[in-house]
Amino acid sequence: VDITNTQGVKIYPNPTNGKVNINIDQYAGKINIQVIDINGRIVYDVKNDEFSIEKTINLDSFQPGIYILKIDGESLSYSQKIILN
């Protein structure tokens, strides 16, 4: 599935208290997920993760603040700001 229209990508809840759900309509395959802090450091990095429609990642151990969630896969590149309370 070619995800050039990012309307099918949902990241929720945002702001979050730790758990973040990633939902990509009609997408299955391998993806890379990164969470980048405000200083540009990669604080969460998963490569070639099997993905099918939805996945939850746990950010409970991170300091409250603003992060960037970056998702890359075949025909998919998406970034979104996340606020961690």
C-alpha atoms as a PDB file:
ATOM      1  CA  VAL A   1       0.000   0.000   0.000  1.00  0.00           C
ATOM      2  CA  ASP A   2       1.415   3.379  -1.007  1.00  0.00           C
ATOM      3  CA  ILE A   3       0.928   5.771   1.911  1.00  0.00           C
ATOM      4  CA  THR A   4       1.505   9.120   0.271  1.00  0.00           C
ATOM      5  CA  ASN A   5      -1.621  10.577   1.843  1.00  0.00           C
ATOM      6  CA  THR A   6      -0.928  10.584   5.580  1.00  0.00           C
ATOM      7  CA  GLN A   7      -4.600  10.924   6.539  1.00  0.00           C
ATOM      8  CA  GLY A   8      -4.552   7.164   7.235  1.00  0.00           C
ATOM      9  CA  VAL A   9      -1.928   7.599   9.987  1.00  0.00           C
ATOM     10  CA  LYS A  10      -3.168   8.195  13.540  1.00  0.00           C
ATOM     11  CA  ILE A  11      -0.961   8.721  16.602  1.00  0.00           C
ATOM     12  CA  TYR A  12      -2.932   8.813  19.862  1.00  0.00           C
ATOM     13  CA  PRO A  13      -3.373   9.807  22.630  1.00  0.00           C
ATOM     14  CA  ASN A  14      -1.486  13.043  22.239  1.00  0.00           C
ATOM     15  CA  PRO A  15      -0.653  14.448  24.778  1.00  0.00           C
ATOM     16  CA  THR A  16       0.115  11.124  26.443  1.00  0.00           C
ATOM     17  CA  ASN A  17       1.070   9.849  29.869  1.00  0.00           C
ATOM     18  CA  GLY A  18       3.318   7.130  28.420  1.00  0.00           C
ATOM     19  CA  LYS A  19       1.632   4.730  26.026  1.00  0.00           C
ATOM     20  CA  VAL A  20       1.323   5.846  22.402  1.00  0.00           C
ATOM     21  CA  ASN A  21      -0.733   4.001  19.788  1.00  0.00           C
ATOM     22  CA  ILE A  22       0.299   4.059  16.134  1.00  0.00           C
ATOM     23  CA  ASN A  23      -2.472   3.218  13.680  1.00  0.00           C
ATOM     24  CA  ILE A  24      -1.863   3.060   9.928  1.00  0.00           C
ATOM     25  CA  ASP A  25      -4.897   2.073   7.866  1.00  0.00           C
ATOM     26  CA  GLN A  26      -4.332  -0.833   5.489  1.00  0.00           C
ATOM     27  CA  TYR A  27      -0.594  -1.144   6.204  1.00  0.00           C
ATOM     28  CA  ALA A  28       1.262  -4.329   7.008  1.00  0.00           C
ATOM     29  CA  GLY A  29       4.996  -4.904   6.749  1.00  0.00           C
ATOM     30  CA  LYS A  30       8.252  -3.846   8.322  1.00  0.00           C
ATOM     31  CA  ILE A  31       8.680  -0.344   9.730  1.00  0.00           C
ATOM     32  CA  ASN A  32      11.304   1.644  11.588  1.00  0.00           C
ATOM     33  CA  ILE A  33      10.118   3.671  14.585  1.00  0.00           C
ATOM     34  CA  GLN A  34      12.185   6.425  16.186  1.00  0.00           C
ATOM     35  CA  VAL A  35      11.429   8.831  19.002  1.00  0.00           C
ATOM     36  CA  ILE A  36      13.656  11.902  18.996  1.00  0.00           C
ATOM     37  CA  ASP A  37      13.931  14.333  21.909  1.00  0.00           C
ATOM     38  CA  ILE A  38      13.923  18.115  21.614  1.00  0.00           C
ATOM     39  CA  ASN A  39      17.754  18.129  21.480  1.00  0.00           C
ATOM     40  CA  GLY A  40      17.806  15.828  18.439  1.00  0.00           C
ATOM     41  CA  ARG A  41      18.884  12.679  20.301  1.00  0.00           C
ATOM     42  CA  ILE A  42      17.293   9.382  19.307  1.00  0.00           C
ATOM     43  CA  VAL A  43      15.837   8.021  22.556  1.00  0.00           C
ATOM     44  CA  TYR A  44      13.817   5.118  21.097  1.00  0.00           C
ATOM     45  CA  ASP A  45      14.831   3.202  17.973  1.00  0.00           C
ATOM     46  CA  VAL A  46      13.263   0.021  16.585  1.00  0.00           C
ATOM     47  CA  LYS A  47      14.245  -1.213  13.125  1.00  0.00           C
ATOM     48  CA  ASN A  48      12.476  -3.725  10.857  1.00  0.00           C
ATOM     49  CA  ASP A  49       9.607  -4.188  13.280  1.00  0.00           C
ATOM     50  CA  GLU A  50       6.660  -6.218  11.987  1.00  0.00           C
ATOM     51  CA  PHE A  51       3.649  -3.938  11.780  1.00  0.00           C
ATOM     52  CA  SER A  52       0.030  -4.717  11.031  1.00  0.00           C
ATOM     53  CA  ILE A  53      -2.504  -1.876  11.290  1.00  0.00           C
ATOM     54  CA  GLU A  54      -1.755  -0.882  14.929  1.00  0.00           C
ATOM     55  CA  LYS A  55       1.079  -0.929  17.473  1.00  0.00           C
ATOM     56  CA  THR A  56       1.563   0.517  20.959  1.00  0.00           C
ATOM     57  CA  ILE A  57       4.898   1.853  22.176  1.00  0.00           C
ATOM     58  CA  ASN A  58       5.708   2.595  25.815  1.00  0.00           C
ATOM     59  CA  LEU A  59       7.358   5.906  26.700  1.00  0.00           C
ATOM     60  CA  ASP A  60       6.763   5.625  30.475  1.00  0.00           C
ATOM     61  CA  SER A  61      10.472   5.826  31.319  1.00  0.00           C
ATOM     62  CA  PHE A  62      11.022   9.100  29.410  1.00  0.00           C
ATOM     63  CA  GLN A  63      11.098  12.567  30.955  1.00  0.00           C
ATOM     64  CA  PRO A  64       8.024  14.736  30.333  1.00  0.00           C
ATOM     65  CA  GLY A  65       8.460  17.001  27.324  1.00  0.00           C
ATOM     66  CA  ILE A  66       8.145  17.275  23.559  1.00  0.00           C
ATOM     67  CA  TYR A  67       9.310  14.473  21.273  1.00  0.00           C
ATOM     68  CA  ILE A  68       9.145  13.703  17.564  1.00  0.00           C
ATOM     69  CA  LEU A  69       7.806  10.287  16.540  1.00  0.00           C
ATOM     70  CA  LYS A  70       9.215   9.232  13.169  1.00  0.00           C
ATOM     71  CA  ILE A  71       7.915   6.236  11.214  1.00  0.00           C
ATOM     72  CA  ASP A  72       9.560   4.914   8.044  1.00  0.00           C
ATOM     73  CA  GLY A  73       8.587   1.913   5.976  1.00  0.00           C
ATOM     74  CA  GLU A  74       8.156   0.828   2.401  1.00  0.00           C
ATOM     75  CA  SER A  75       6.308   3.728   0.718  1.00  0.00           C
ATOM     76  CA  LEU A  76       5.821   5.370   4.120  1.00  0.00           C
ATOM     77  CA  SER A  77       7.493   8.300   5.847  1.00  0.00           C
ATOM     78  CA  TYR A  78       5.684  10.124   8.646  1.00  0.00           C
ATOM     79  CA  SER A  79       6.637  12.354  11.574  1.00  0.00           C
ATOM     80  CA  GLN A  80       4.551  13.865  14.345  1.00  0.00           C
ATOM     81  CA  LYS A  81       5.191  15.869  17.507  1.00  0.00           C
ATOM     82  CA  ILE A  82       4.249  14.071  20.741  1.00  0.00           C
ATOM     83  CA  ILE A  83       3.772  15.746  24.106  1.00  0.00           C
ATOM     84  CA  LEU A  84       4.603  13.493  27.069  1.00  0.00           C
ATOM     85  CA  ASN A  85       3.035  14.610  30.359  1.00  0.00           C
END
